[in-house]
């Protein structure tokens, strides 16, 4: 089978090393990997075959620069893994495809829904799928009112920005949590905040972005990685979190939770979602109902666990984009993952040091 060149954006993102590992494990063809990132010292720079520094996604020349790299390196497939880049790639996909370059990204109309948590939950409620209690707000006054309607202070709640990823703009408010205990017993990456501190923080600016006030879901956390074709599920793998740090699963197990998978499948079908993407879910307190709290409309940071369990979703997504045969794959249920940190070293010119 002919070799291919894949361009991976976000080479410094947490999920980049795992996705690179997925592509390195492929036996049926040689895959050359070109990485790009706004940071010249991106952590996975030493893991790719070629690396380029590019502007951030908000830069008007971001797409131009990536396209230039694609032409120079004769790239076959682009895998964007940074959420903020996705809309730009969706709007520019035709430019890439005219040069024979496939881009793994959804249609812009679907991205507008799934990239906004308020729009996503509202759409789910509209089509009759279960959602947690939530209310979208656009001012501090609306937020204060929504917190009271959610049951605060008698009930713990979650407040989050409607648009954002990587736990940015997400905080939990639980009046039963001791600030003293959090200060002395928790590391400073705790996501808990007091109601008063939240309001004080939001008042630093004259206007707040769209936000969600939501019931706090204390049950087990799940993630589901999917490859779909215009709403039809091709592959799906559910991951149950065993240890979770600020939404990142530090340890997990692959299991076959049909309740979780069926809910995600219903959303993918109703919205016509396409390509590689993932869902984040939380169960309610009595573990009777899982709720989707977020969609990652791209390859996720945990997708390497699916590959280790026998379903290499990044490569299967590439094969689908290239119009190739897709084999039957069933996960090896019970596969576990434990994540740890490793270091990368570079010389003063940015070249990787083998050490």
Protein backbone atom coordinates (compact mmCIF):
# COMPACT_ATOMS: atom_id res chain seq x y z
CA UNK A 1 0.00 0.00 0.00
CA UNK A 2 1.28 3.47 -0.90
CA UNK A 3 2.76 5.61 1.83
CA UNK A 4 1.09 8.88 2.82
CA UNK A 5 2.00 12.15 4.52
CA UNK A 6 -0.20 13.42 7.34
CA UNK A 7 -0.09 16.93 8.79
CA UNK A 8 -0.99 17.15 12.48
CA UNK A 9 -1.82 20.55 13.95
CA UNK A 10 -1.46 21.36 17.63
CA UNK A 11 1.81 19.47 17.99
CA UNK A 12 2.07 20.81 21.54
CA UNK A 13 -1.44 19.73 22.56
CA UNK A 14 -1.85 17.03 25.23
CA UNK A 15 -3.31 14.58 22.74
CA UNK A 16 -0.60 14.94 20.09
CA UNK A 17 1.84 12.26 21.37
CA UNK A 18 -0.95 9.68 21.59
CA UNK A 19 -2.25 10.41 18.09
CA UNK A 20 1.29 10.23 16.73
CA UNK A 21 1.67 6.84 18.44
CA UNK A 22 -1.54 5.67 16.75
CA UNK A 23 -0.09 6.50 13.33
CA UNK A 24 3.31 4.98 14.14
CA UNK A 25 1.63 1.67 15.02
CA UNK A 26 0.17 1.27 11.52
CA UNK A 27 1.72 -1.73 9.74
CA UNK A 28 0.03 -1.69 6.34
CA UNK A 29 1.75 1.46 5.04
CA UNK A 30 4.40 4.01 5.91
CA UNK A 31 3.00 7.23 7.33
CA UNK A 32 5.15 10.34 7.33
CA UNK A 33 4.02 12.86 9.94
CA UNK A 34 4.48 16.62 9.68
CA UNK A 35 3.65 18.60 12.81
CA UNK A 36 2.77 22.28 13.16
CA UNK A 37 2.25 24.43 16.23
CA UNK A 38 2.39 28.08 17.25
CA UNK A 39 5.00 27.13 19.86
CA UNK A 40 8.46 26.39 18.39
CA UNK A 41 9.14 24.21 21.45
CA UNK A 42 5.97 22.11 21.10
CA UNK A 43 6.25 19.00 23.24
CA UNK A 44 5.74 16.49 20.42
CA UNK A 45 8.13 18.23 18.04
CA UNK A 46 10.67 15.46 18.52
CA UNK A 47 8.12 12.77 17.63
CA UNK A 48 7.31 13.93 14.09
CA UNK A 49 9.25 13.69 10.84
CA UNK A 50 9.02 17.38 10.04
CA UNK A 51 7.96 20.43 12.06
CA UNK A 52 6.91 23.99 11.27
CA UNK A 53 5.95 26.93 13.44
CA UNK A 54 2.65 28.49 12.33
CA UNK A 55 0.60 31.47 13.57
CA UNK A 56 -2.18 30.90 16.14
CA UNK A 57 -5.62 30.02 14.83
CA UNK A 58 -6.89 33.59 15.35
CA UNK A 59 -4.24 34.97 13.00
CA UNK A 60 -5.68 35.86 9.55
CA UNK A 61 -2.73 34.09 7.88
CA UNK A 62 -3.08 30.83 9.82
CA UNK A 63 -4.74 28.86 7.01
CA UNK A 64 -2.41 30.34 4.38
CA UNK A 65 0.63 29.20 6.31
CA UNK A 66 -0.71 25.67 6.93
CA UNK A 67 -1.69 25.38 3.25
CA UNK A 68 1.81 26.46 2.26
CA UNK A 69 3.30 23.72 4.47
CA UNK A 70 0.90 21.17 2.97
CA UNK A 71 2.01 21.99 -0.56
CA UNK A 72 5.69 21.96 0.35
CA UNK A 73 5.46 18.60 2.15
CA UNK A 74 2.98 17.04 -0.30
CA UNK A 75 0.50 16.33 2.47
CA UNK A 76 -2.32 13.88 1.80
CA UNK A 77 -4.42 14.38 4.95
CA UNK A 78 -4.68 17.16 7.55
CA UNK A 79 -5.68 16.22 11.11
CA UNK A 80 -6.62 19.37 13.07
CA UNK A 81 -6.69 18.68 16.82
CA UNK A 82 -7.09 22.24 18.15
CA UNK A 83 -10.71 23.24 18.68
CA UNK A 84 -10.16 26.89 17.77
CA UNK A 85 -8.82 25.91 14.35
CA UNK A 86 -11.78 23.79 13.29
CA UNK A 87 -14.08 26.46 11.89
CA UNK A 88 -11.23 27.94 9.85
CA UNK A 89 -10.47 24.55 8.34
CA UNK A 90 -14.17 23.89 7.68
CA UNK A 91 -14.53 27.14 5.76
CA UNK A 92 -11.29 26.56 3.82
CA UNK A 93 -11.70 22.83 3.16
CA UNK A 94 -12.50 23.34 -0.54
CA UNK A 95 -9.16 25.12 -1.05
CA UNK A 96 -7.30 22.10 0.32
CA UNK A 97 -9.40 19.53 -1.53
CA UNK A 98 -8.84 21.28 -4.86
CA UNK A 99 -5.20 20.32 -4.41
CA UNK A 100 -6.03 16.75 -3.42
CA UNK A 101 -5.57 17.31 0.33
CA UNK A 102 -8.20 15.79 2.63
CA UNK A 103 -9.08 17.63 5.85
CA UNK A 104 -10.63 15.85 8.83
CA UNK A 105 -13.25 18.40 9.86
CA UNK A 106 -17.05 18.63 10.07
CA UNK A 107 -19.27 20.98 8.12
CA UNK A 108 -19.36 24.51 9.53
CA UNK A 109 -23.12 24.33 10.22
CA UNK A 110 -22.63 21.35 12.55
CA UNK A 111 -19.56 22.91 14.19
CA UNK A 112 -21.63 25.95 15.14
CA UNK A 113 -23.85 23.68 17.22
CA UNK A 114 -21.41 21.23 18.76
CA UNK A 115 -18.71 23.81 19.53
CA UNK A 116 -21.17 25.75 21.69
CA UNK A 117 -22.33 23.91 24.82
CA UNK A 118 -25.49 26.00 25.11
CA UNK A 119 -26.44 25.37 21.48
CA UNK A 120 -25.64 21.66 21.83
CA UNK A 121 -27.76 21.11 24.96
CA UNK A 122 -30.58 23.23 23.55
CA UNK A 123 -30.58 21.17 20.36
CA UNK A 124 -30.59 17.93 22.35
CA UNK A 125 -33.52 19.13 24.43
CA UNK A 126 -35.33 20.21 21.27
CA UNK A 127 -35.05 16.73 19.70
CA UNK A 128 -36.11 14.97 22.89
CA UNK A 129 -32.80 13.66 24.20
CA UNK A 130 -31.98 13.77 27.94
CA UNK A 131 -30.03 16.77 29.21
CA UNK A 132 -29.08 17.94 32.69
CA UNK A 133 -30.83 21.02 34.07
CA UNK A 134 -29.18 24.05 32.47
CA UNK A 135 -29.77 27.67 31.59
CA UNK A 136 -27.83 29.86 29.17
CA UNK A 137 -27.00 33.34 30.48
CA UNK A 138 -25.53 36.49 28.95
CA UNK A 139 -25.06 38.81 31.93
CA UNK A 140 -24.10 38.61 35.59
CA UNK A 141 -27.68 39.40 36.57
CA UNK A 142 -28.96 36.49 34.46
CA UNK A 143 -26.28 34.24 35.96
CA UNK A 144 -27.26 35.15 39.51
CA UNK A 145 -30.89 34.42 38.70
CA UNK A 146 -30.00 31.10 37.05
CA UNK A 147 -27.95 30.01 40.06
CA UNK A 148 -30.96 30.52 42.30
CA UNK A 149 -33.22 28.65 39.87
CA UNK A 150 -30.71 25.80 39.82
CA UNK A 151 -31.18 25.44 43.58
CA UNK A 152 -28.10 27.24 44.87
CA UNK A 153 -27.13 27.45 47.74
CA UNK A 154 -29.01 24.29 48.69
CA UNK A 155 -27.66 22.48 45.63
CA UNK A 156 -24.18 22.30 44.09
CA UNK A 157 -23.93 23.75 40.59
CA UNK A 158 -21.53 24.05 37.67
CA UNK A 159 -20.84 27.26 35.75
CA UNK A 160 -19.08 27.21 32.40
CA UNK A 161 -18.41 29.28 29.31
CA UNK A 162 -20.59 28.19 26.40
CA UNK A 163 -17.53 28.09 24.14
CA UNK A 164 -14.21 26.75 25.32
CA UNK A 165 -12.31 23.53 25.77
CA UNK A 166 -9.70 21.96 28.03
CA UNK A 167 -11.69 22.95 31.16
CA UNK A 168 -11.24 26.65 30.36
CA UNK A 169 -14.01 28.71 31.86
CA UNK A 170 -15.41 25.85 33.95
CA UNK A 171 -15.93 26.03 37.71
CA UNK A 172 -17.96 24.14 40.30
CA UNK A 173 -19.73 25.80 43.21
CA UNK A 174 -20.53 23.61 46.22
CA UNK A 175 -21.40 25.37 49.48
CA UNK A 176 -20.66 22.13 51.33
CA UNK A 177 -17.00 22.24 50.27
CA UNK A 178 -14.72 23.71 52.91
CA UNK A 179 -12.51 26.46 51.50
CA UNK A 180 -10.06 25.67 54.32
CA UNK A 181 -9.84 22.00 53.28
CA UNK A 182 -9.49 22.90 49.61
CA UNK A 183 -6.66 25.28 50.47
CA UNK A 184 -4.65 22.78 52.52
CA UNK A 185 -5.64 19.40 51.09
CA UNK A 186 -6.16 20.01 47.35
CA UNK A 187 -3.63 20.93 44.72
CA UNK A 188 -4.12 24.42 43.22
CA UNK A 189 -5.72 22.95 40.10
CA UNK A 190 -9.02 22.46 41.91
CA UNK A 191 -12.01 23.51 39.81
CA UNK A 192 -14.05 24.61 42.84
CA UNK A 193 -14.79 28.27 43.41
CA UNK A 194 -17.04 30.14 45.81
CA UNK A 195 -20.11 31.91 44.49
CA UNK A 196 -18.82 35.26 45.77
CA UNK A 197 -15.43 34.79 44.11
CA UNK A 198 -17.07 33.89 40.81
CA UNK A 199 -19.23 37.02 40.78
CA UNK A 200 -16.27 39.16 41.79
CA UNK A 201 -14.18 37.70 38.96
CA UNK A 202 -16.88 38.20 36.33
CA UNK A 203 -17.36 41.84 37.36
CA UNK A 204 -13.79 42.62 36.25
CA UNK A 205 -15.11 43.09 32.71
CA UNK A 206 -18.13 45.14 31.58
CA UNK A 207 -19.64 42.15 29.76
CA UNK A 208 -19.39 38.38 30.04
CA UNK A 209 -19.44 35.87 27.18
CA UNK A 210 -22.36 33.46 26.90
CA UNK A 211 -22.28 31.05 29.84
CA UNK A 212 -24.14 28.05 31.18
CA UNK A 213 -25.40 27.41 34.67
CA UNK A 214 -25.92 23.68 35.10
CA UNK A 215 -26.66 21.16 37.80
CA UNK A 216 -23.50 19.55 39.13
CA UNK A 217 -23.25 15.92 38.06
CA UNK A 218 -21.21 13.96 40.63
CA UNK A 219 -21.38 10.52 39.00
CA UNK A 220 -18.86 8.55 36.96
CA UNK A 221 -17.23 10.29 33.99
CA UNK A 222 -17.23 8.69 30.54
CA UNK A 223 -15.73 9.60 27.21
CA UNK A 224 -16.82 8.12 23.89
CA UNK A 225 -14.68 8.26 20.77
CA UNK A 226 -16.49 7.91 17.46
CA UNK A 227 -15.86 7.65 13.75
CA UNK A 228 -19.04 8.36 11.80
CA UNK A 229 -20.13 8.92 8.23
CA UNK A 230 -22.79 11.65 8.00
CA UNK A 231 -24.49 10.51 11.19
CA UNK A 232 -23.96 6.78 10.75
CA UNK A 233 -21.76 5.27 13.47
CA UNK A 234 -18.87 3.32 11.95
CA UNK A 235 -16.84 2.74 15.12
CA UNK A 236 -17.47 3.67 18.76
CA UNK A 237 -15.48 3.08 21.93
CA UNK A 238 -16.48 4.08 25.47
CA UNK A 239 -13.92 4.89 28.14
CA UNK A 240 -14.79 4.97 31.86
CA UNK A 241 -12.68 7.31 33.93
CA UNK A 242 -11.00 5.81 36.97
CA UNK A 243 -8.96 8.89 37.86
CA UNK A 244 -9.83 12.26 36.32
CA UNK A 245 -7.85 15.49 36.68
CA UNK A 246 -9.56 18.66 35.35
CA UNK A 247 -11.45 16.65 32.71
CA UNK A 248 -8.34 14.66 31.68
CA UNK A 249 -8.56 10.93 32.35
CA UNK A 250 -5.34 9.97 34.08
CA UNK A 251 -6.47 6.35 34.27
CA UNK A 252 -9.38 4.61 32.56
CA UNK A 253 -10.85 1.34 31.39
CA UNK A 254 -12.44 0.49 28.04
CA UNK A 255 -15.92 -0.89 28.62
CA UNK A 256 -19.12 -1.59 26.67
CA UNK A 257 -21.65 0.78 28.23
CA UNK A 258 -24.63 0.63 25.86
CA UNK A 259 -26.53 3.33 27.74
CA UNK A 260 -23.68 5.77 27.10
CA UNK A 261 -23.01 4.59 23.54
CA UNK A 262 -26.67 4.71 22.50
CA UNK A 263 -27.06 8.29 23.75
CA UNK A 264 -23.97 9.43 21.85
CA UNK A 265 -25.10 7.55 18.75
CA UNK A 266 -28.48 9.28 18.86
CA UNK A 267 -26.85 12.72 18.97
CA UNK A 268 -24.45 11.87 16.13
CA UNK A 269 -27.33 10.59 14.00
CA UNK A 270 -29.70 13.48 14.67
CA UNK A 271 -27.03 16.11 13.96
CA UNK A 272 -25.47 14.28 11.01
CA UNK A 273 -22.02 14.38 12.60
CA UNK A 274 -19.14 13.24 10.42
CA UNK A 275 -15.57 12.08 10.88
CA UNK A 276 -13.62 11.64 14.11
CA UNK A 277 -15.07 13.18 17.26
CA UNK A 278 -15.69 12.49 20.92
CA UNK A 279 -18.22 12.99 23.69
CA UNK A 280 -17.71 13.76 27.37
CA UNK A 281 -20.43 12.51 29.72
CA UNK A 282 -21.20 12.49 33.43
CA UNK A 283 -23.68 10.36 35.34
CA UNK A 284 -26.11 11.77 37.85
CA UNK A 285 -25.65 11.04 41.55
CA UNK A 286 -27.57 7.75 41.61
CA UNK A 287 -25.88 6.51 38.41
CA UNK A 288 -29.17 6.02 36.57
CA UNK A 289 -28.71 8.54 33.76
CA UNK A 290 -25.64 9.67 31.82
CA UNK A 291 -25.66 13.16 30.34
CA UNK A 292 -23.58 14.53 27.50
CA UNK A 293 -21.86 17.67 28.74
CA UNK A 294 -19.57 18.38 25.80
CA UNK A 295 -18.63 17.34 22.28
CA UNK A 296 -15.06 17.45 21.01
CA UNK A 297 -15.55 17.71 17.24
CA UNK A 298 -12.06 16.37 16.50
CA UNK A 299 -9.70 13.62 17.58
CA UNK A 300 -9.57 13.59 21.38
CA UNK A 301 -6.63 13.45 23.76
CA UNK A 302 -7.69 10.00 24.94
CA UNK A 303 -8.16 8.34 21.55
CA UNK A 304 -4.83 6.50 21.92
CA UNK A 305 -6.54 4.28 24.51
CA UNK A 306 -8.98 3.11 21.85
CA UNK A 307 -6.09 2.18 19.56
CA UNK A 308 -4.40 0.25 22.37
CA UNK A 309 -7.70 -1.64 22.76
CA UNK A 310 -7.70 -2.56 19.07
CA UNK A 311 -9.61 0.27 17.37
CA UNK A 312 -7.17 2.75 15.82
CA UNK A 313 -9.62 5.58 15.21
CA UNK A 314 -7.13 8.17 13.86
CA UNK A 315 -5.95 5.78 11.15
CA UNK A 316 -9.44 4.48 10.42
CA UNK A 317 -10.52 8.10 9.95
CA UNK A 318 -7.67 8.64 7.50
CA UNK A 319 -8.63 5.50 5.56
CA UNK A 320 -12.22 6.74 5.33
CA UNK A 321 -11.10 10.14 4.01
CA UNK A 322 -9.01 8.35 1.38
CA UNK A 323 -11.96 6.18 0.36
CA UNK A 324 -10.32 2.93 1.48
CA UNK A 325 -11.81 -0.28 2.86
CA UNK A 326 -12.70 -0.13 6.55
CA UNK A 327 -12.16 -3.40 8.46
CA UNK A 328 -14.34 -4.75 11.26
CA UNK A 329 -12.93 -3.79 14.66
CA UNK A 330 -14.18 -4.64 18.15
CA UNK A 331 -12.50 -3.14 21.23
CA UNK A 332 -10.76 -5.40 23.71
CA UNK A 333 -13.01 -4.56 26.65
CA UNK A 334 -11.22 -4.32 29.97
CA UNK A 335 -8.14 -2.63 28.48
CA UNK A 336 -6.82 -0.13 31.02
CA UNK A 337 -4.69 2.97 30.67
CA UNK A 338 -2.61 4.85 33.24
CA UNK A 339 -1.15 8.16 32.07
CA UNK A 340 2.17 9.61 33.18
CA UNK A 341 4.31 12.57 32.20
CA UNK A 342 7.47 12.27 30.12
CA UNK A 343 10.04 14.89 29.15
CA UNK A 344 11.24 16.01 25.72
CA UNK A 345 14.61 17.72 25.26
CA UNK A 346 15.86 20.08 22.54
CA UNK A 347 19.13 21.85 21.84
CA UNK A 348 19.39 25.62 21.57
CA UNK A 349 18.43 25.44 17.88
CA UNK A 350 15.27 23.48 18.63
CA UNK A 351 16.53 20.09 17.42
CA UNK A 352 15.43 17.08 19.50
CA UNK A 353 18.03 15.60 21.83
CA UNK A 354 18.06 11.83 22.22
CA UNK A 355 18.60 11.26 25.93
